[in-house]
Amino acid sequence: MTGRPDLGGRLERICHLLHEATLLPVIRTDNAGLIQSCRPDALPANPKYGGLQEQLTEWLGERSPMAVPMLHSTPFLEHFLLVSTGEEGKLAGGWIMIGPAVSAAWPEDLLAGLLRDLMVPQRQRPVWLAYYRNLPVIDKSRLLYAGLLVHEWLTGQSLDLADLIDASEPAAEGAALKPAALASLRLSGTREEGVYHHSPDTEKLFLKHIQHGNKKELFRAFAALADQGVGILSRRSPLRHQKNIAITVITLATRAAMEGGMFPEEAYTLSDMHIQHIEELGEVNKVESALQAALGDFADGVRRGLDQRVSRPIAVCQRYIFDHLYEELALPMLAKASGVSAVHLSRLFRRETGISLTEYIQRQRVEEAKQLLSLSAYSLSDISARLQFHDQSYFTKVFKKYAGVTPKQYRHGRLGTAGSEPPPPGRLTSDYTKPNR
């Protein structure tokens, strides 16, 4: 037996074992991003770059040490996993990169479409096709499991697959509103045959997680489902192909969310906003990330409803309030909609929710006001009038009671963190769907 290796030797041992076990490319760098070792030795570089070091320097960017491995995708359909060996890893500093790889042996016509989408000159395409043929093919879930293994080797800490999926979600780009926020703003204002070739049982399991609001298991199933392969809906453009898949999955997720108790208008509006966002994207990897975010929003919406599960009369009452928040909400009207007497409704509502009907309506209107303050340029007097507050001073008093700040302070605070102005009233008006909620 040999003695315990130093830190650098231990990292080299880990890289060697990982490459031999998986046959995946494994690159180790120092904390400056300079390559210290590469397996295999003759790993070809992406043709976009002058060499492997240049490629790695751009892919690493200005990254800081991370607590967990992170999966990354490129516009060219490559995937790679970064594991920090710096401060979080308590080792020598630097990175281990597993990959690049692709998740399928893409047909040549599909790759030609991708290169067209990315405006790669025709004369360079043979070099690119040769590059793709040399990349290993591996499910992204298998790549994530390789990251789990390396992380545990380095730190002794056990992680779950969902931890890596959560960490690999992209941050919001710029000051653009997320689709979930756009859906809130819109609320304030056929499945395509033959797409999937996986088993119906897998699909049912996937949709069940949305119905139950189980985001963690949903992301685990999403990682597995994405690797099973789908029919090609647009051979001339992988971007169009990925968008078609995303739209189909969101359609299924919308139905599943409604079956799980999400309000239909909320689900349909969320669906519309996510599909619109996806149609505006220009890179395949961004479409897949946007789809995952959409599914997470549906699961979160169902979970919120499940956490507030109440009897049928109270659920009907809450739904009526949701649909008519911009109208006058009188107790007799709510009782009639709920199918019980006014006295019984008042008592039952307080018993099941812990608050009175009046307080519930006020809280809902304050939450709606927050959306308008954050996402629109409507004046405070306009918002208070729309939400049936008798005057602006009363609106301010109620808002501060539940939000802890005045409406003006809330708007200024939100704009300060967002770093952008709200949409102008003219643009908002075209998307505004109230008062028919």
Protein backbone atom coordinates (compact mmCIF):
# COMPACT_ATOMS: atom_id res chain seq x y z
CA MET A 1 0.00 0.00 0.00
CA THR A 2 1.11 3.55 -0.68
CA GLY A 3 0.94 6.44 1.76
CA ARG A 4 -1.80 9.03 1.75
CA PRO A 5 -1.26 11.37 -1.25
CA ASP A 6 -1.04 15.13 -0.88
CA LEU A 7 -4.02 17.25 -1.90
CA GLY A 8 -2.91 17.65 -5.49
CA GLY A 9 -2.22 13.94 -5.74
CA ARG A 10 -5.60 13.13 -4.26
CA LEU A 11 -7.34 15.33 -6.83
CA GLU A 12 -5.42 13.64 -9.63
CA ARG A 13 -6.43 10.24 -8.25
CA ILE A 14 -10.09 11.28 -8.20
CA CYS A 15 -9.90 12.57 -11.78
CA HIS A 16 -8.20 9.38 -12.96
CA LEU A 17 -10.76 7.08 -11.33
CA LEU A 18 -13.68 9.15 -12.58
CA HIS A 19 -12.46 9.13 -16.17
CA GLU A 20 -11.69 5.41 -16.13
CA ALA A 21 -15.09 4.59 -14.62
CA THR A 22 -17.20 6.81 -16.89
CA LEU A 23 -15.02 7.43 -19.97
CA LEU A 24 -16.09 11.07 -19.71
CA PRO A 25 -13.63 13.92 -20.26
CA VAL A 26 -12.27 15.17 -16.93
CA ILE A 27 -10.24 18.38 -16.70
CA ARG A 28 -8.64 19.76 -13.53
CA THR A 29 -7.58 23.39 -13.18
CA ASP A 30 -5.87 25.48 -10.54
CA ASN A 31 -7.60 28.42 -8.89
CA ALA A 32 -6.56 30.67 -11.81
CA GLY A 33 -8.38 28.40 -14.26
CA LEU A 34 -5.19 27.03 -15.84
CA ILE A 35 -5.38 23.40 -16.93
CA GLN A 36 -3.37 21.08 -14.67
CA SER A 37 -4.47 17.79 -16.19
CA CYS A 38 -6.80 16.55 -18.92
CA ARG A 39 -8.25 13.13 -19.57
CA PRO A 40 -8.15 11.99 -22.32
CA ASP A 41 -4.90 13.66 -23.30
CA ALA A 42 -6.04 14.63 -26.81
CA LEU A 43 -9.43 16.12 -25.93
CA PRO A 44 -10.62 18.17 -28.94
CA ALA A 45 -11.63 21.78 -28.33
CA ASN A 46 -14.90 23.34 -29.42
CA PRO A 47 -14.19 24.80 -32.92
CA LYS A 48 -15.36 28.20 -31.69
CA TYR A 49 -12.16 28.53 -29.66
CA GLY A 50 -8.47 28.61 -30.46
CA GLY A 51 -7.76 25.76 -28.06
CA LEU A 52 -8.90 23.94 -24.95
CA GLN A 53 -7.47 26.51 -22.53
CA GLU A 54 -9.32 29.36 -24.25
CA GLN A 55 -12.53 27.31 -24.18
CA LEU A 56 -12.16 26.54 -20.50
CA THR A 57 -11.30 30.13 -19.61
CA GLU A 58 -14.55 31.38 -21.16
CA TRP A 59 -16.64 28.59 -19.65
CA LEU A 60 -15.26 29.25 -16.17
CA GLY A 61 -15.60 33.03 -16.44
CA GLU A 62 -15.30 34.80 -13.09
CA ARG A 63 -16.81 32.02 -11.01
CA SER A 64 -16.33 31.79 -7.27
CA PRO A 65 -16.08 28.51 -5.33
CA MET A 66 -19.47 26.78 -5.12
CA ALA A 67 -21.01 24.71 -2.35
CA VAL A 68 -22.37 22.08 -4.77
CA PRO A 69 -21.56 20.92 -8.31
CA MET A 70 -23.36 22.81 -11.06
CA LEU A 71 -24.54 21.59 -14.45
CA HIS A 72 -24.11 24.01 -17.34
CA SER A 73 -25.33 23.94 -20.94
CA THR A 74 -24.08 25.84 -23.97
CA PRO A 75 -25.97 27.10 -27.04
CA PHE A 76 -24.20 24.33 -28.98
CA LEU A 77 -26.03 21.59 -27.00
CA GLU A 78 -22.94 20.70 -24.94
CA HIS A 79 -23.29 19.96 -21.24
CA PHE A 80 -20.59 20.04 -18.59
CA LEU A 81 -20.47 19.86 -14.82
CA LEU A 82 -18.26 22.04 -12.65
CA VAL A 83 -17.11 20.90 -9.21
CA SER A 84 -15.27 23.41 -7.05
CA THR A 85 -12.14 22.23 -5.27
CA GLY A 86 -11.65 25.63 -3.67
CA GLU A 87 -12.82 27.04 -0.37
CA GLU A 88 -16.09 25.10 -0.28
CA GLY A 89 -14.33 21.85 -1.15
CA LYS A 90 -11.69 22.40 1.56
CA LEU A 91 -9.02 21.23 -0.88
CA ALA A 92 -6.35 22.73 -3.09
CA GLY A 93 -8.45 25.29 -4.97
CA GLY A 94 -9.56 25.27 -8.57
CA TRP A 95 -12.06 23.21 -10.53
CA ILE A 96 -12.85 19.79 -11.85
CA MET A 97 -14.85 19.88 -15.08
CA ILE A 98 -16.69 16.75 -16.17
CA GLY A 99 -17.47 16.93 -19.87
CA PRO A 100 -18.27 18.33 -22.32
CA ALA A 101 -20.80 15.78 -23.51
CA VAL A 102 -24.09 15.69 -25.39
CA SER A 103 -27.30 14.06 -24.21
CA ALA A 104 -28.09 12.31 -27.50
CA ALA A 105 -26.41 11.20 -30.73
CA TRP A 106 -28.05 13.99 -32.68
CA PRO A 107 -28.87 13.27 -36.37
CA GLU A 108 -26.69 15.15 -38.83
CA ASP A 109 -29.64 17.11 -40.26
CA LEU A 110 -30.57 18.26 -36.77
CA LEU A 111 -27.00 19.41 -36.11
CA ALA A 112 -27.01 21.20 -39.47
CA GLY A 113 -30.15 23.02 -38.36
CA LEU A 114 -28.52 23.95 -35.05
CA LEU A 115 -25.46 25.36 -36.80
CA ARG A 116 -27.76 27.34 -39.10
CA ASP A 117 -29.61 28.72 -36.07
CA LEU A 118 -26.28 29.78 -34.56
CA MET A 119 -25.11 31.29 -37.87
CA VAL A 120 -22.02 29.07 -38.21
CA PRO A 121 -20.60 29.58 -41.73
CA GLN A 122 -21.24 26.71 -44.13
CA ARG A 123 -17.53 26.13 -44.74
CA GLN A 124 -16.96 25.46 -41.01
CA ARG A 125 -19.74 22.92 -40.59
CA PRO A 126 -17.70 19.77 -41.42
CA VAL A 127 -15.31 20.65 -38.56
CA TRP A 128 -18.28 21.07 -36.21
CA LEU A 129 -19.87 17.79 -37.26
CA ALA A 130 -16.58 16.01 -36.60
CA TYR A 131 -16.41 17.67 -33.17
CA TYR A 132 -19.90 16.45 -32.27
CA ARG A 133 -19.09 12.90 -33.37
CA ASN A 134 -16.18 12.89 -30.88
CA LEU A 135 -18.24 14.04 -27.89
CA PRO A 136 -19.45 11.34 -25.48
CA VAL A 137 -23.20 10.78 -25.26
CA ILE A 138 -24.57 10.64 -21.73
CA ASP A 139 -27.85 11.43 -20.01
CA LYS A 140 -27.71 14.68 -18.09
CA SER A 141 -28.96 12.83 -15.03
CA ARG A 142 -25.91 10.54 -15.27
CA LEU A 143 -23.70 13.61 -15.47
CA LEU A 144 -25.35 14.94 -12.31
CA TYR A 145 -24.77 11.63 -10.54
CA ALA A 146 -21.10 11.83 -11.49
CA GLY A 147 -21.07 15.25 -9.83
CA LEU A 148 -22.65 13.79 -6.68
CA LEU A 149 -19.96 11.14 -6.57
CA VAL A 150 -17.09 13.61 -6.93
CA HIS A 151 -18.61 15.96 -4.35
CA GLU A 152 -18.86 13.15 -1.82
CA TRP A 153 -15.29 12.05 -2.55
CA LEU A 154 -14.05 15.59 -1.98
CA THR A 155 -16.09 16.63 1.03
CA GLY A 156 -17.64 13.51 2.55
CA GLN A 157 -21.00 15.29 2.24
CA SER A 158 -23.96 13.42 0.73
CA LEU A 159 -26.25 15.40 -1.57
CA ASP A 160 -29.48 14.58 -3.37
CA LEU A 161 -29.97 14.87 -7.13
CA ALA A 162 -32.56 17.61 -6.54
CA ASP A 163 -29.90 19.70 -4.75
CA LEU A 164 -27.85 19.81 -7.94
CA ILE A 165 -30.88 20.51 -10.12
CA ASP A 166 -31.86 23.44 -7.89
CA ALA A 167 -28.31 24.80 -7.95
CA SER A 168 -28.12 24.52 -11.73
CA GLU A 169 -31.18 26.71 -12.31
CA PRO A 170 -30.07 29.87 -14.14
CA ALA A 171 -30.33 33.25 -12.46
CA ALA A 172 -32.69 35.80 -13.96
CA GLU A 173 -31.05 37.75 -16.74
CA GLY A 174 -31.11 41.53 -16.56
CA ALA A 175 -34.11 43.31 -15.20
CA ALA A 176 -36.62 41.44 -17.36
CA LEU A 177 -39.69 40.23 -15.49
CA LYS A 178 -39.87 36.48 -14.88
CA PRO A 179 -42.83 34.71 -16.52
CA ALA A 180 -44.39 34.06 -13.11
CA ALA A 181 -44.33 37.80 -12.42
CA LEU A 182 -45.75 38.52 -15.85
CA ALA A 183 -48.51 36.03 -15.10
CA SER A 184 -49.34 37.95 -11.94
CA LEU A 185 -49.47 41.12 -13.99
CA ARG A 186 -51.75 39.53 -16.56
CA LEU A 187 -54.01 38.32 -13.73
CA SER A 188 -54.05 41.91 -12.62
CA GLY A 189 -54.91 43.08 -15.94
CA THR A 190 -54.02 20.52 -27.92
CA ARG A 191 -51.47 18.52 -27.09
CA GLU A 192 -49.47 17.73 -30.30
CA GLU A 193 -49.77 14.02 -31.14
CA GLY A 194 -46.76 11.76 -31.32
CA VAL A 195 -44.25 13.95 -29.52
CA TYR A 196 -43.09 11.71 -26.72
CA HIS A 197 -41.72 8.25 -27.19
CA HIS A 198 -41.35 7.44 -23.49
CA SER A 199 -43.73 5.25 -21.53
CA PRO A 200 -47.14 6.62 -20.45
CA ASP A 201 -46.31 5.55 -16.89
CA THR A 202 -43.33 7.93 -16.86
CA GLU A 203 -45.53 10.76 -18.07
CA LYS A 204 -48.18 10.00 -15.45
CA LEU A 205 -45.58 10.01 -12.68
CA PHE A 206 -44.18 13.30 -13.95
CA LEU A 207 -47.63 14.95 -13.98
CA LYS A 208 -48.53 13.46 -10.61
CA HIS A 209 -45.73 15.46 -9.00
CA ILE A 210 -47.28 18.66 -10.38
CA GLN A 211 -50.74 17.64 -9.15
CA HIS A 212 -49.31 17.06 -5.68
CA GLY A 213 -47.18 20.23 -5.68
CA ASN A 214 -44.02 18.17 -5.13
CA LYS A 215 -41.36 20.38 -6.71
CA LYS A 216 -38.37 18.35 -5.53
CA GLU A 217 -39.59 15.08 -7.04
CA LEU A 218 -40.82 16.95 -10.11
CA PHE A 219 -37.32 18.22 -10.86
CA ARG A 220 -35.92 14.75 -10.33
CA ALA A 221 -38.46 13.33 -12.81
CA PHE A 222 -37.79 16.21 -15.21
CA ALA A 223 -34.10 15.37 -15.34
CA ALA A 224 -34.91 11.73 -16.11
CA LEU A 225 -37.66 12.56 -18.60
CA ALA A 226 -35.48 14.98 -20.54
CA ASP A 227 -32.97 12.19 -21.11
CA GLN A 228 -35.40 9.60 -22.50
CA GLY A 229 -35.59 11.14 -25.94
CA VAL A 230 -38.42 12.68 -27.94
CA GLY A 231 -39.57 12.67 -31.53
CA ILE A 232 -38.12 15.36 -33.75
CA LEU A 233 -40.77 18.02 -34.37
CA SER A 234 -38.58 20.25 -36.50
CA ARG A 235 -35.50 18.75 -38.11
CA ARG A 236 -34.51 22.02 -39.72
CA SER A 237 -34.27 23.84 -36.39
CA PRO A 238 -33.39 22.30 -33.01
CA LEU A 239 -34.51 25.58 -31.42
CA ARG A 240 -38.00 25.21 -32.91
CA HIS A 241 -37.97 21.55 -31.90
CA GLN A 242 -37.19 22.40 -28.27
CA LYS A 243 -39.83 25.13 -28.21
CA ASN A 244 -42.46 22.71 -29.56
CA ILE A 245 -41.60 20.23 -26.81
CA ALA A 246 -41.72 22.93 -24.13
CA ILE A 247 -45.14 24.16 -25.28
CA THR A 248 -46.50 20.62 -25.25
CA VAL A 249 -45.14 19.93 -21.75
CA ILE A 250 -46.51 23.23 -20.42
CA THR A 251 -49.95 22.34 -21.85
CA LEU A 252 -49.88 19.04 -19.96
CA ALA A 253 -48.56 20.74 -16.82
CA THR A 254 -51.39 23.30 -16.95
CA ARG A 255 -54.00 20.57 -16.89
CA ALA A 256 -52.18 18.72 -14.12
CA ALA A 257 -51.97 21.88 -12.01
CA MET A 258 -55.73 22.49 -12.38
CA GLU A 259 -56.40 18.88 -11.39
CA GLY A 260 -54.24 19.57 -8.33
CA GLY A 261 -56.48 22.47 -7.32
CA MET A 262 -54.88 25.50 -9.01
CA PHE A 263 -57.42 28.09 -10.14
CA PRO A 264 -57.99 27.61 -13.90
CA GLU A 265 -57.46 31.27 -14.77
CA GLU A 266 -54.28 31.36 -12.72
CA ALA A 267 -53.02 28.19 -14.45
CA TYR A 268 -53.95 29.37 -17.96
CA THR A 269 -52.40 32.79 -17.40
CA LEU A 270 -49.19 31.25 -16.06
CA SER A 271 -49.16 28.95 -19.10
CA ASP A 272 -49.62 31.85 -21.53
CA MET A 273 -46.82 33.87 -19.96
CA HIS A 274 -44.34 31.00 -19.92
CA ILE A 275 -45.10 30.05 -23.53
CA GLN A 276 -44.71 33.67 -24.61
CA HIS A 277 -41.38 33.86 -22.77
CA ILE A 278 -40.17 30.63 -24.38
CA GLU A 279 -41.12 31.81 -27.87
CA GLU A 280 -38.90 34.87 -27.36
CA LEU A 281 -35.78 32.84 -26.49
CA GLY A 282 -33.04 32.33 -29.04
CA GLU A 283 -30.98 29.44 -27.62
CA VAL A 284 -31.86 25.79 -27.06
CA ASN A 285 -30.37 25.56 -23.57
CA LYS A 286 -32.32 28.63 -22.43
CA VAL A 287 -35.57 27.05 -23.61
CA GLU A 288 -34.95 23.95 -21.50
CA SER A 289 -34.10 26.07 -18.45
CA ALA A 290 -37.24 28.15 -18.99
CA LEU A 291 -39.33 24.97 -19.18
CA GLN A 292 -37.95 23.75 -15.87
CA ALA A 293 -38.75 27.12 -14.29
CA ALA A 294 -42.30 26.94 -15.68
CA LEU A 295 -42.87 23.50 -14.20
CA GLY A 296 -41.55 24.70 -10.85
CA ASP A 297 -44.03 27.59 -10.90
CA PHE A 298 -46.93 25.19 -11.52
CA ALA A 299 -45.82 22.92 -8.66
CA ASP A 300 -45.44 25.94 -6.35
CA GLY A 301 -48.94 27.14 -7.26
CA VAL A 302 -50.46 23.76 -6.45
CA ARG A 303 -48.49 23.57 -3.20
CA ARG A 304 -49.83 26.94 -2.05
CA GLY A 305 -53.36 25.69 -2.61
CA LEU A 306 -52.73 22.41 -0.81
CA ASP A 307 -51.29 24.24 2.18
CA GLN A 308 -54.58 26.11 2.48
CA ARG A 309 -56.95 23.16 1.92
CA VAL A 310 -60.42 23.96 3.26
CA SER A 311 -64.00 22.67 2.98
CA ARG A 312 -65.92 23.07 -0.27
CA PRO A 313 -68.01 26.12 0.76
CA ILE A 314 -64.88 27.98 1.86
CA ALA A 315 -62.97 26.93 -1.27
CA VAL A 316 -65.86 28.20 -3.43
CA CYS A 317 -65.91 31.43 -1.45
CA GLN A 318 -62.17 31.94 -1.87
CA ARG A 319 -62.44 31.22 -5.58
CA TYR A 320 -65.26 33.77 -5.90
CA ILE A 321 -63.13 36.37 -4.12
CA PHE A 322 -60.20 35.55 -6.40
CA ASP A 323 -62.35 35.99 -9.52
CA HIS A 324 -64.11 39.17 -8.36
CA LEU A 325 -61.43 40.95 -6.35
CA TYR A 326 -61.92 44.15 -8.35
CA GLU A 327 -65.65 44.21 -7.61
CA GLU A 328 -67.64 44.91 -4.47
CA LEU A 329 -67.67 41.81 -2.26
CA ALA A 330 -70.63 41.76 0.10
CA LEU A 331 -71.34 38.94 2.54
CA PRO A 332 -74.79 38.04 1.06
CA MET A 333 -73.19 37.73 -2.37
CA LEU A 334 -70.42 35.47 -1.05
CA ALA A 335 -72.92 33.35 0.88
CA LYS A 336 -75.06 32.86 -2.23
CA ALA A 337 -72.03 31.83 -4.28
CA SER A 338 -70.93 29.40 -1.54
CA GLY A 339 -74.37 27.83 -1.09
CA VAL A 340 -74.64 28.46 2.67
CA SER A 341 -76.17 31.15 4.87
CA ALA A 342 -74.27 34.35 5.58
CA VAL A 343 -74.03 33.56 9.29
CA HIS A 344 -72.78 30.01 8.66
CA LEU A 345 -70.26 31.22 6.08
CA SER A 346 -68.80 33.80 8.47
CA ARG A 347 -68.40 31.30 11.28
CA LEU A 348 -67.07 28.52 9.05
CA PHE A 349 -64.59 30.82 7.34
CA ARG A 350 -63.08 32.00 10.61
CA ARG A 351 -62.96 28.47 12.01
CA GLU A 352 -61.15 27.02 8.99
CA THR A 353 -58.82 29.90 8.12
CA GLY A 354 -58.30 31.58 11.48
CA ILE A 355 -59.28 35.02 10.14
CA SER A 356 -62.51 36.80 9.27
CA LEU A 357 -63.87 37.19 5.75
CA THR A 358 -63.20 40.91 5.88
CA GLU A 359 -59.58 40.40 6.83
CA TYR A 360 -59.12 37.75 4.13
CA ILE A 361 -60.48 40.08 1.44
CA GLN A 362 -58.27 42.90 2.68
CA ARG A 363 -55.19 40.65 2.63
CA GLN A 364 -55.97 39.49 -0.90
CA ARG A 365 -56.40 43.07 -2.09
CA VAL A 366 -53.14 44.10 -0.45
CA GLU A 367 -51.35 41.25 -2.23
CA GLU A 368 -52.93 42.33 -5.50
CA ALA A 369 -51.88 45.91 -4.82
CA LYS A 370 -48.31 44.71 -4.34
CA GLN A 371 -48.37 43.23 -7.83
CA LEU A 372 -49.65 46.48 -9.32
CA LEU A 373 -47.15 48.55 -7.38
CA SER A 374 -44.29 46.31 -8.53
CA LEU A 375 -45.29 45.62 -12.11
CA SER A 376 -47.29 48.63 -13.32
CA ALA A 377 -47.12 52.41 -13.34
CA TYR A 378 -50.66 52.99 -12.08
CA SER A 379 -50.96 55.75 -9.51
CA LEU A 380 -51.77 54.96 -5.89
CA SER A 381 -55.21 56.55 -6.23
CA ASP A 382 -55.93 54.48 -9.33
CA ILE A 383 -54.88 51.25 -7.59
CA SER A 384 -56.93 52.01 -4.49
CA ALA A 385 -60.01 52.76 -6.59
CA ARG A 386 -59.62 49.64 -8.72
CA LEU A 387 -59.39 47.47 -5.63
CA GLN A 388 -62.55 48.94 -4.09
CA PHE A 389 -60.93 50.99 -1.32
CA HIS A 390 -63.16 53.97 -0.53
CA ASP A 391 -60.30 56.47 -0.48
CA GLN A 392 -56.54 56.54 -0.75
CA SER A 393 -55.94 57.21 2.94
CA TYR A 394 -57.94 54.10 3.90
CA PHE A 395 -56.02 52.10 1.26
CA THR A 396 -52.73 53.32 2.77
CA LYS A 397 -53.86 52.40 6.28
CA VAL A 398 -54.92 48.85 5.31
CA PHE A 399 -51.82 48.31 3.16
CA LYS A 400 -49.47 49.33 5.96
CA LYS A 401 -51.32 47.10 8.41
CA TYR A 402 -50.52 43.97 6.40
CA ALA A 403 -47.39 44.95 4.47
CA GLY A 404 -45.61 46.88 7.23
CA VAL A 405 -44.90 49.84 4.92
CA THR A 406 -47.00 52.33 2.97
CA PRO A 407 -47.80 51.69 -0.71
CA LYS A 408 -45.40 54.46 -1.72
CA GLN A 409 -42.59 53.00 0.38
CA TYR A 410 -43.28 49.53 -1.03
CA ARG A 411 -43.11 50.74 -4.63
CA HIS A 412 -39.90 52.68 -4.04
CA GLY A 413 -38.32 49.70 -2.27
CA ARG A 414 -39.25 47.31 -5.07
CA LEU A 415 -37.95 49.63 -7.77
CA GLY A 416 -34.74 50.05 -5.82
CA THR A 417 -34.10 46.29 -5.77
CA ALA A 418 -35.25 45.70 -9.34
CA GLY A 419 -33.19 48.54 -10.74
CA SER A 420 -35.75 49.34 -13.44
CA GLU A 421 -38.90 51.34 -14.01
CA PRO A 422 -42.32 49.65 -14.20
CA PRO A 423 -43.98 49.25 -17.60
CA PRO A 424 -45.62 52.45 -18.87
CA PRO A 425 -49.41 52.58 -18.46
CA GLY A 426 -49.98 52.50 -22.20
CA ARG A 427 -48.21 49.17 -22.61
CA LEU A 428 -49.85 47.66 -19.56
CA THR A 429 -53.36 48.52 -20.70
CA SER A 430 -53.19 46.15 -23.66
CA ASP A 431 -52.53 43.19 -21.36
CA TYR A 432 -54.83 44.20 -18.54
CA THR A 433 -57.68 41.72 -17.99
CA LYS A 434 -59.47 43.23 -15.02
CA PRO A 435 -62.17 43.61 -13.84
CA ASN A 436 -63.23 40.26 -15.32
CA ARG A 437 -60.77 38.20 -13.36
